[in-house]
Protein backbone atom coordinates (compact mmCIF):
# COMPACT_ATOMS: atom_id res chain seq x y z
CA UNK A 1 127.97 41.90 99.40
CA UNK A 2 125.17 42.22 101.93
CA UNK A 3 124.95 44.49 104.95
CA UNK A 4 123.04 43.80 108.17
CA UNK A 5 119.90 45.88 108.58
CA UNK A 6 119.63 47.42 112.08
CA UNK A 7 116.53 46.58 114.06
CA UNK A 8 114.12 49.36 115.10
CA UNK A 9 115.54 49.12 118.63
CA UNK A 10 119.08 49.59 117.32
CA UNK A 11 117.95 52.61 115.27
CA UNK A 12 116.35 54.07 118.39
CA UNK A 13 119.48 53.52 120.49
CA UNK A 14 121.64 55.14 117.80
CA UNK A 15 119.29 58.11 117.62
CA UNK A 16 119.35 58.55 121.40
CA UNK A 17 123.15 58.52 121.34
CA UNK A 18 123.19 61.20 118.62
CA UNK A 19 120.77 63.29 120.68
CA UNK A 20 123.22 63.20 123.62
CA UNK A 21 120.66 61.68 125.97
CA UNK A 22 117.89 64.14 125.13
CA UNK A 23 114.60 62.20 124.84
CA UNK A 24 113.77 61.10 121.32
CA UNK A 25 110.28 62.45 121.97
CA UNK A 26 111.80 65.94 121.74
CA UNK A 27 111.86 65.47 117.97
CA UNK A 28 108.09 65.02 117.80
CA UNK A 29 105.99 67.84 116.39
CA UNK A 30 102.30 68.69 115.99
CA UNK A 31 100.64 69.95 112.81
CA UNK A 32 97.53 72.10 112.34
CA UNK A 33 95.34 69.00 112.81
CA UNK A 34 97.13 68.24 116.09
CA UNK A 35 98.58 65.10 114.54
CA UNK A 36 101.98 63.94 115.77
CA UNK A 37 104.91 63.61 113.40
CA UNK A 38 107.40 61.20 114.93
CA UNK A 39 111.14 60.91 114.29
CA UNK A 40 110.96 57.11 113.89
CA UNK A 41 108.38 54.78 112.44
CA UNK A 42 108.24 50.99 112.49
CA UNK A 43 107.41 48.27 114.97
CA UNK A 44 108.47 50.61 117.79
CA UNK A 45 105.50 52.88 117.02
CA UNK A 46 103.01 50.15 116.13
CA UNK A 47 102.50 51.24 112.51
CA UNK A 48 100.78 48.71 110.28
CA UNK A 49 100.96 48.75 106.45
CA UNK A 50 98.15 50.50 104.63
CA UNK A 51 97.42 50.76 100.93
CA UNK A 52 95.07 52.87 98.87
CA UNK A 53 96.42 52.52 95.33
CA UNK A 54 95.41 53.84 91.97
CA UNK A 55 96.15 51.06 89.45
CA UNK A 56 99.19 51.81 87.34
CA UNK A 57 99.34 51.45 83.58
CA UNK A 58 102.78 50.33 82.52
CA UNK A 59 101.90 50.46 78.83
CA UNK A 60 99.91 53.69 78.74
CA UNK A 61 99.47 56.68 80.97
CA UNK A 62 98.90 56.20 84.66
CA UNK A 63 97.11 59.51 85.10
CA UNK A 64 95.32 62.10 83.00
CA UNK A 65 97.58 65.07 82.27
CA UNK A 66 95.02 67.88 82.23
CA UNK A 67 95.83 71.41 81.12
CA UNK A 68 94.04 74.51 82.41
CA UNK A 69 93.13 77.09 79.76
CA UNK A 70 91.58 80.32 81.00
CA UNK A 71 90.27 82.84 78.51
CA UNK A 72 87.49 85.04 77.25
CA UNK A 73 88.23 85.01 73.51
CA UNK A 74 87.04 81.79 71.86
CA UNK A 75 89.61 81.77 69.07
CA UNK A 76 92.54 82.37 71.43
CA UNK A 77 91.29 79.63 73.76
CA UNK A 78 90.91 77.25 70.83
CA UNK A 79 94.50 77.85 69.73
CA UNK A 80 95.76 77.23 73.28
CA UNK A 81 93.67 74.06 73.69
CA UNK A 82 94.84 72.55 70.43
CA UNK A 83 98.47 73.41 71.18
CA UNK A 84 98.29 71.73 74.57
CA UNK A 85 96.53 68.62 73.27
CA UNK A 86 98.97 68.29 70.38
CA UNK A 87 101.95 68.58 72.72
CA UNK A 88 101.26 66.08 75.47
CA UNK A 89 98.11 67.02 77.35
CA UNK A 90 95.40 64.35 77.44
CA UNK A 91 92.50 66.57 78.48
CA UNK A 92 91.60 70.17 79.18
CA UNK A 93 89.74 72.19 81.78
CA UNK A 94 88.29 75.51 80.62
CA UNK A 95 87.61 78.65 82.61
CA UNK A 96 86.50 82.13 81.56
CA UNK A 97 83.78 83.84 79.58
CA UNK A 98 84.00 81.26 76.80
CA UNK A 99 81.77 79.11 79.03
CA UNK A 100 78.92 81.60 78.95
CA UNK A 101 77.16 80.08 75.93
CA UNK A 102 77.38 77.23 73.44
CA UNK A 103 78.42 79.62 70.65
CA UNK A 104 81.78 80.74 72.03
CA UNK A 105 82.34 77.39 73.71
CA UNK A 106 81.80 75.60 70.42
CA UNK A 107 84.38 77.82 68.73
CA UNK A 108 86.79 77.29 71.63
CA UNK A 109 86.51 73.50 71.15
CA UNK A 110 86.63 73.49 67.36
CA UNK A 111 88.75 70.53 66.25
CA UNK A 112 88.73 68.82 69.65
CA UNK A 113 87.61 65.17 69.56
CA UNK A 114 85.71 65.02 72.83
CA UNK A 115 85.37 61.24 72.49
CA UNK A 116 89.15 61.02 72.98
CA UNK A 117 90.11 64.14 74.94
CA UNK A 118 87.98 64.81 78.03
CA UNK A 119 86.76 68.40 78.40
CA UNK A 120 86.19 69.71 81.92
CA UNK A 121 84.64 72.96 83.11
CA UNK A 122 85.46 75.40 85.90
CA UNK A 123 82.44 77.70 85.89
CA UNK A 124 81.81 78.34 89.58
CA UNK A 125 78.25 79.15 90.49
CA UNK A 126 77.32 79.21 86.78
CA UNK A 127 78.19 75.53 86.42
CA UNK A 128 74.74 74.39 85.20
CA UNK A 129 74.68 77.00 82.41
CA UNK A 130 78.18 76.00 81.32
CA UNK A 131 77.18 72.32 81.50
CA UNK A 132 74.24 72.98 79.19
CA UNK A 133 76.54 74.81 76.78
CA UNK A 134 78.99 71.90 76.76
CA UNK A 135 76.19 69.39 76.24
CA UNK A 136 75.06 71.33 73.16
CA UNK A 137 78.65 71.56 71.90
CA UNK A 138 79.10 67.78 72.21
CA UNK A 139 76.15 67.31 69.80
CA UNK A 140 74.73 64.30 71.61
CA UNK A 141 77.75 62.05 71.07
CA UNK A 142 77.25 59.21 73.58
CA UNK A 143 81.00 58.62 73.82
CA UNK A 144 81.86 62.25 74.61
CA UNK A 145 84.11 62.50 77.66
CA UNK A 146 82.41 65.44 79.35
CA UNK A 147 83.43 66.59 82.82
CA UNK A 148 80.79 69.10 83.88
CA UNK A 149 82.41 69.65 87.30
CA UNK A 150 79.41 71.43 88.82
CA UNK A 151 80.33 72.58 92.33
CA UNK A 152 77.96 75.24 93.67
CA UNK A 153 78.99 74.62 97.29
CA UNK A 154 82.61 75.69 96.76
CA UNK A 155 81.51 78.81 94.89
CA UNK A 156 79.09 79.63 97.71
CA UNK A 157 81.75 79.04 100.37
CA UNK A 158 84.34 81.22 98.64
CA UNK A 159 81.96 84.13 98.04
CA UNK A 160 79.99 83.76 101.27
CA UNK A 161 76.79 83.85 99.26
CA UNK A 162 75.22 83.20 95.88
CA UNK A 163 72.65 84.79 93.52
CA UNK A 164 70.04 82.32 94.81
CA UNK A 165 70.02 80.18 97.92
CA UNK A 166 72.74 77.56 97.86
CA UNK A 167 70.04 74.89 98.17
CA UNK A 168 68.52 76.14 94.90
CA UNK A 169 71.91 76.07 93.22
CA UNK A 170 72.49 72.50 94.42
CA UNK A 171 69.09 71.47 93.12
CA UNK A 172 69.75 73.16 89.78
CA UNK A 173 73.09 71.35 89.42
CA UNK A 174 71.49 68.01 90.31
CA UNK A 175 68.62 68.46 87.85
CA UNK A 176 71.08 69.46 85.14
CA UNK A 177 73.04 66.26 85.81
CA UNK A 178 69.89 64.14 85.72
CA UNK A 179 68.85 65.71 82.43
CA UNK A 180 72.17 64.98 80.68
CA UNK A 181 72.96 61.60 82.26
CA UNK A 182 71.06 59.61 79.65
CA UNK A 183 72.59 61.32 76.62
CA UNK A 184 76.15 61.27 77.95
CA UNK A 185 76.84 57.98 79.76
CA UNK A 186 80.60 58.67 79.82
CA UNK A 187 80.19 62.03 81.56
CA UNK A 188 80.86 63.02 85.14
CA UNK A 189 78.72 65.72 86.67
CA UNK A 190 79.83 66.92 90.10
CA UNK A 191 83.10 68.19 91.50
CA UNK A 192 83.17 67.46 95.23
CA UNK A 193 86.14 69.62 96.04
CA UNK A 194 87.94 70.46 99.25
CA UNK A 195 90.22 72.94 97.53
CA UNK A 196 88.31 76.00 98.75
CA UNK A 197 89.22 74.99 102.31
CA UNK A 198 92.87 74.50 101.36
CA UNK A 199 93.16 77.80 99.49
CA UNK A 200 91.69 79.66 102.48
CA UNK A 201 94.49 78.26 104.65
CA UNK A 202 92.85 75.08 105.91
CA UNK A 203 94.63 71.97 107.11
CA UNK A 204 94.82 68.65 105.30
CA UNK A 205 92.09 67.07 107.45
CA UNK A 206 89.83 70.09 106.95
CA UNK A 207 90.25 69.82 103.17
CA UNK A 208 89.48 66.09 103.26
CA UNK A 209 86.40 66.69 105.41
CA UNK A 210 85.12 69.46 103.16
CA UNK A 211 85.48 67.21 100.12
CA UNK A 212 83.75 64.28 101.85
CA UNK A 213 80.87 66.50 103.02
CA UNK A 214 80.58 67.87 99.48
CA UNK A 215 80.26 64.31 98.15
CA UNK A 216 77.32 63.76 100.50
CA UNK A 217 75.68 67.09 99.66
CA UNK A 218 75.84 66.48 95.91
CA UNK A 219 74.71 62.85 96.23
CA UNK A 220 71.66 63.80 98.28
CA UNK A 221 70.72 66.53 95.81
CA UNK A 222 71.14 64.09 92.90
CA UNK A 223 68.88 61.52 94.54
CA UNK A 224 66.24 64.22 95.08
CA UNK A 225 66.53 64.98 91.34
CA UNK A 226 65.79 61.36 90.44
CA UNK A 227 69.27 59.91 90.04
CA UNK A 228 70.32 56.73 91.81
CA UNK A 229 72.96 56.95 94.53
CA UNK A 230 75.26 54.78 92.41
CA UNK A 231 74.89 57.07 89.38
CA UNK A 232 75.50 60.12 91.54
CA UNK A 233 78.68 58.73 93.07
CA UNK A 234 79.98 57.43 89.75
CA UNK A 235 79.34 60.90 88.35
CA UNK A 236 81.33 62.61 91.09
CA UNK A 237 84.98 63.64 90.89
CA UNK A 238 86.79 64.51 94.12
CA UNK A 239 88.97 67.62 93.95
CA UNK A 240 92.02 68.07 96.19
CA UNK A 241 95.03 70.39 96.24
CA UNK A 242 98.66 69.33 96.09
CA UNK A 243 101.51 71.62 97.05
CA UNK A 244 105.24 71.69 97.68
CA UNK A 245 104.84 69.76 100.95
CA UNK A 246 104.71 66.63 98.87
CA UNK A 247 104.72 64.01 101.63
CA UNK A 248 101.57 65.46 103.18
CA UNK A 249 100.01 66.04 99.77
CA UNK A 250 100.48 62.48 98.57
CA UNK A 251 99.37 61.05 101.93
CA UNK A 252 96.27 63.25 101.69
CA UNK A 253 95.37 61.77 98.30
CA UNK A 254 95.78 58.24 99.64
CA UNK A 255 93.72 59.14 102.70
CA UNK A 256 90.90 60.38 100.46
CA UNK A 257 90.55 56.93 98.94
CA UNK A 258 90.10 55.46 102.40
CA UNK A 259 87.49 58.10 103.23
CA UNK A 260 85.74 57.46 99.91
CA UNK A 261 85.59 53.76 100.76
CA UNK A 262 83.86 54.67 104.00
CA UNK A 263 81.38 56.88 102.18
CA UNK A 264 80.48 54.26 99.59
CA UNK A 265 79.99 51.66 102.34
CA UNK A 266 77.64 54.06 104.11
CA UNK A 267 75.68 54.53 100.86
CA UNK A 268 75.78 50.74 100.29
CA UNK A 269 77.10 51.04 96.76
CA UNK A 270 80.36 50.25 94.99
CA UNK A 271 81.95 53.04 93.00
CA UNK A 272 85.64 53.79 92.49
CA UNK A 273 87.03 57.11 93.64
CA UNK A 274 88.13 59.49 90.88
CA UNK A 275 90.47 62.17 92.23
CA UNK A 276 91.53 65.32 90.41
CA UNK A 277 94.58 66.93 92.02
CA UNK A 278 95.27 70.58 91.27
CA UNK A 279 98.32 72.51 92.28
CA UNK A 280 97.88 74.84 95.23
CA UNK A 281 97.69 78.56 94.55
CA UNK A 282 98.27 79.56 98.14
CA UNK A 283 101.87 78.29 97.82
CA UNK A 284 102.72 80.49 94.81
CA UNK A 285 104.87 83.63 94.85
CA UNK A 286 104.12 86.67 92.71
CA UNK A 287 107.15 88.93 93.09
CA UNK A 288 109.65 86.25 92.01
CA UNK A 289 107.66 83.55 90.15
CA UNK A 290 110.59 81.42 89.00
CA UNK A 291 110.92 79.31 92.21
CA UNK A 292 107.28 78.39 91.62
CA UNK A 293 108.61 75.95 89.02
CA UNK A 294 110.15 73.93 91.86
CA UNK A 295 107.00 74.11 93.94
CA UNK A 296 104.85 72.99 91.01
CA UNK A 297 107.21 70.09 90.26
CA UNK A 298 106.88 68.94 93.88
CA UNK A 299 103.08 69.25 93.61
CA UNK A 300 103.05 67.22 90.41
CA UNK A 301 105.22 64.56 92.05
CA UNK A 302 102.75 64.37 94.95
CA UNK A 303 99.81 63.99 92.59
CA UNK A 304 101.52 61.21 90.64
CA UNK A 305 102.89 59.25 93.61
CA UNK A 306 99.78 59.85 95.69
CA UNK A 307 97.64 58.19 93.05
CA UNK A 308 95.58 61.02 91.56
CA UNK A 309 93.59 60.04 88.48
CA UNK A 310 93.95 63.55 87.04
CA UNK A 311 96.68 66.12 87.69
CA UNK A 312 96.32 69.82 86.80
CA UNK A 313 99.30 72.14 87.32
CA UNK A 314 99.01 75.91 87.17
CA UNK A 315 101.45 77.99 85.20
CA UNK A 316 104.30 79.27 87.35
CA UNK A 317 103.12 82.89 86.89
CA UNK A 318 99.53 82.25 88.01
CA UNK A 319 99.88 84.34 91.18
CA UNK A 320 100.19 87.44 88.97
CA UNK A 321 97.69 86.69 86.22
CA UNK A 322 96.51 84.11 83.74
CA UNK A 323 99.17 81.78 82.36
CA UNK A 324 100.53 82.58 78.91
CA UNK A 325 101.69 80.01 76.36
CA UNK A 326 105.17 79.72 77.91
CA UNK A 327 103.82 79.13 81.43
CA UNK A 328 101.33 76.54 80.18
CA UNK A 329 104.13 74.77 78.29
CA UNK A 330 106.22 74.61 81.46
CA UNK A 331 103.25 73.19 83.41
CA UNK A 332 102.61 70.62 80.70
CA UNK A 333 106.24 69.60 80.32
CA UNK A 334 106.69 69.24 84.07
CA UNK A 335 104.09 66.49 84.07
CA UNK A 336 105.50 64.91 80.93
CA UNK A 337 108.94 64.61 82.54
CA UNK A 338 107.43 63.06 85.67
CA UNK A 339 105.39 60.66 83.56
CA UNK A 340 107.58 59.76 80.59
CA UNK A 341 111.10 60.17 82.01
CA UNK A 342 110.73 59.57 85.75
CA UNK A 343 108.12 56.81 85.10
CA UNK A 344 106.24 57.65 88.30
CA UNK A 345 103.11 55.89 87.13
CA UNK A 346 104.64 52.47 86.53
CA UNK A 347 104.26 51.31 90.13
CA UNK A 348 101.05 50.69 92.05
CA UNK A 349 100.99 52.96 95.10
CA UNK A 350 104.71 53.85 95.23
CA UNK A 351 104.28 55.15 98.80
CA UNK A 352 103.24 51.73 100.12
CA UNK A 353 105.73 50.23 102.53
CA UNK A 354 106.94 53.55 103.90
CA UNK A 355 106.17 53.36 107.61
CA UNK A 356 105.93 57.13 107.82
CA UNK A 357 103.64 57.55 104.82
CA UNK A 358 101.43 54.63 105.86
CA UNK A 359 101.06 56.17 109.30
CA UNK A 360 100.48 59.65 107.88
CA UNK A 361 97.86 58.31 105.48
CA UNK A 362 95.97 56.63 108.30
CA UNK A 363 96.27 59.66 110.60
CA UNK A 364 94.94 62.03 107.93
CA UNK A 365 92.11 59.66 107.01
CA UNK A 366 91.03 59.38 110.64
CA UNK A 367 91.36 63.11 111.29
CA UNK A 368 89.51 63.94 108.07
CA UNK A 369 86.73 61.49 108.91
CA UNK A 370 86.35 62.98 112.40
CA UNK A 371 86.14 66.48 110.91
CA UNK A 372 83.61 65.21 108.36
CA UNK A 373 81.47 63.71 111.12
CA UNK A 374 81.51 67.06 112.89
CA UNK A 375 80.23 68.74 109.73
CA UNK A 376 77.48 66.16 109.26
CA UNK A 377 76.44 66.53 112.92
CA UNK A 378 75.79 70.22 112.16
CA UNK A 379 73.34 69.22 109.43
CA UNK A 380 75.75 68.91 106.53
CA UNK A 381 78.15 71.15 104.66
CA UNK A 382 75.73 73.95 103.80
CA UNK A 383 74.43 74.30 107.33
CA UNK A 384 77.96 74.13 108.77
CA UNK A 385 79.00 76.99 106.47
CA UNK A 386 75.94 79.06 107.28
CA UNK A 387 76.49 78.48 110.98
CA UNK A 388 80.16 79.56 110.73
CA UNK A 389 81.32 76.23 112.12
CA UNK A 390 83.96 75.57 109.46
CA UNK A 391 85.37 79.07 108.92
CA UNK A 392 86.92 79.69 112.38
CA UNK A 393 88.54 76.25 112.36
CA UNK A 394 90.18 77.03 109.03
CA UNK A 395 91.21 80.45 110.34
CA UNK A 396 93.05 78.79 113.24
CA UNK A 397 94.90 76.46 110.88
CA UNK A 398 95.84 79.41 108.69
CA UNK A 399 97.11 81.36 111.70
CA UNK A 400 99.37 78.47 112.71
CA UNK A 401 100.97 78.38 109.27
CA UNK A 402 101.38 82.16 109.20
CA UNK A 403 103.02 82.07 112.62
CA UNK A 404 105.44 79.36 111.50
CA UNK A 405 106.46 81.46 108.51
CA UNK A 406 106.83 84.56 110.66
CA UNK A 407 109.05 82.93 113.29
CA UNK A 408 111.16 81.02 110.76
CA UNK A 409 109.93 77.53 111.58
CA UNK A 410 108.73 77.33 107.96
CA UNK A 411 110.20 78.97 104.88
CA UNK A 412 109.15 80.00 101.37
CA UNK A 413 112.11 79.81 99.01
CA UNK A 414 112.55 83.09 97.15
CA UNK A 415 110.27 84.90 99.58
CA UNK A 416 111.45 84.35 103.17
CA UNK A 417 114.74 82.63 102.31
CA UNK A 418 117.22 82.98 99.45
CA UNK A 419 115.48 86.13 98.23
CA UNK A 420 116.67 87.30 94.81
CA UNK A 421 117.15 91.08 94.83
CA UNK A 422 117.24 91.20 91.03
CA UNK A 423 114.03 89.53 89.95
CA UNK A 424 113.55 88.61 86.31
CA UNK A 425 110.07 89.45 85.02
CA UNK A 426 107.74 86.84 83.55
CA UNK A 427 104.79 87.74 81.33
CA UNK A 428 101.16 86.93 82.09
CA UNK A 429 97.91 87.29 80.19
CA UNK A 430 95.29 89.79 81.30
CA UNK A 431 91.83 88.60 82.21
CA UNK A 432 88.72 89.57 84.11
CA UNK A 433 89.12 87.96 87.52
CA UNK A 434 86.46 89.97 89.33
CA UNK A 435 83.63 87.96 90.83
CA UNK A 436 80.04 89.10 90.73
CA UNK A 437 78.90 90.78 93.95
CA UNK A 438 76.48 88.71 96.03
CA UNK A 439 74.73 89.26 99.32
CA UNK A 440 76.75 87.49 101.97
CA UNK A 441 74.93 84.99 104.12
CA UNK A 442 78.03 83.53 105.78
CA UNK A 443 81.69 84.30 106.34
CA UNK A 444 83.54 83.61 103.05
CA UNK A 445 86.48 81.25 102.68
CA UNK A 446 88.61 83.80 100.86
CA UNK A 447 91.66 82.44 99.00
CA UNK A 448 95.03 83.56 100.34
CA UNK A 449 98.68 83.42 99.36
CA UNK A 450 101.12 82.93 102.21
CA UNK A 451 103.82 84.81 100.32
CA UNK A 452 101.74 87.97 99.91
CA UNK A 453 102.46 89.47 103.35
CA UNK A 454 106.22 89.06 102.90
CA UNK A 455 106.17 90.36 99.31
CA UNK A 456 104.45 93.53 100.52
CA UNK A 457 107.43 94.17 102.84
CA UNK A 458 110.07 93.31 100.23
CA UNK A 459 108.43 95.63 97.70
């Protein structure tokens, strides 16, 4: 039996009737980027199809399930890494004092076949030192899948300063990449991330622009260090956040591929975008961490459907401390269910064909590109940060979100709505999270959690 499909005009007439003659435009809303969200999409709004797919792999894995292991004790980190890799993770990203030298890092990676399981780093401003330690640990294996992830700009932006000038740190990262490029042809070197903008409360377009400007900053530094533009771009991973607002998150990932295409055309090279999506920390709750499992599932869904090459989910307790074995298992299994049971990776660009998501992808790409052009007009990302051009714009976006939560237009489950009076505790691992003090040369992009203000009132 077949049913007639109403035309866009018929849908519009039905909607107007349901609204009791109120204008359908009354259902439109603006986001922090001043982009319009419409109640209807189709021929009536002039939306054209758009596609920015990551190729699927129906026989293997469509994306890299990467686990985050944070720790200071090499033996404990090694046990956690091996457990994760033996139970479904395909790669690992390491953070903590184990990155300080090749000795502890080597012990932390004992038994890990780096030719098969990529190893990534999250070392902040000390990225070049950690990269050197990882290069020593890999023992010159040309097939080692090393992900150095050097990102001095994000570390500088978050702290508002650095031990040296940020230009020196960029140059050091670029020279480190140039030195290891020959020995490790399978490696990637730079993390051009927009996550620092997101975690400070920034909008989707601001995050996209920050990431795009970071790509340019790292590429220029790499060329100055003797690398080709093509090698620099092929050695760059783009980092974006995904959160519980999964439609916007997946559209943001698709938009980044369109922006990347514009960047590579400008550089006159061909290089595929590699996107690592990490779950947002600003969306997490600390007082009652259990609803974070739902938020992290939504973030993982966005990463998978949005076409991320790599997805990293935090443990659900990460707002309170480092994830323990149980929290890491939950993060790992969430992705495994999405991948192996929901089969989200078996379709190229699952969002294609949705009029709303196609329109949202295009809108975010255009808004992100406009924001990126503004940053470049200021002299690039570093100069825009030093000149406090980016920070007040992010502050305005953050204020809009905070206002929406305060007046009830937006909700955080378990924090502002459906609050559990009898919270069950969840364990975390202790760790040294204090950052080294630096002389500030610009306003920092300090990470926030939207739930924190409400949790302080709840007690």
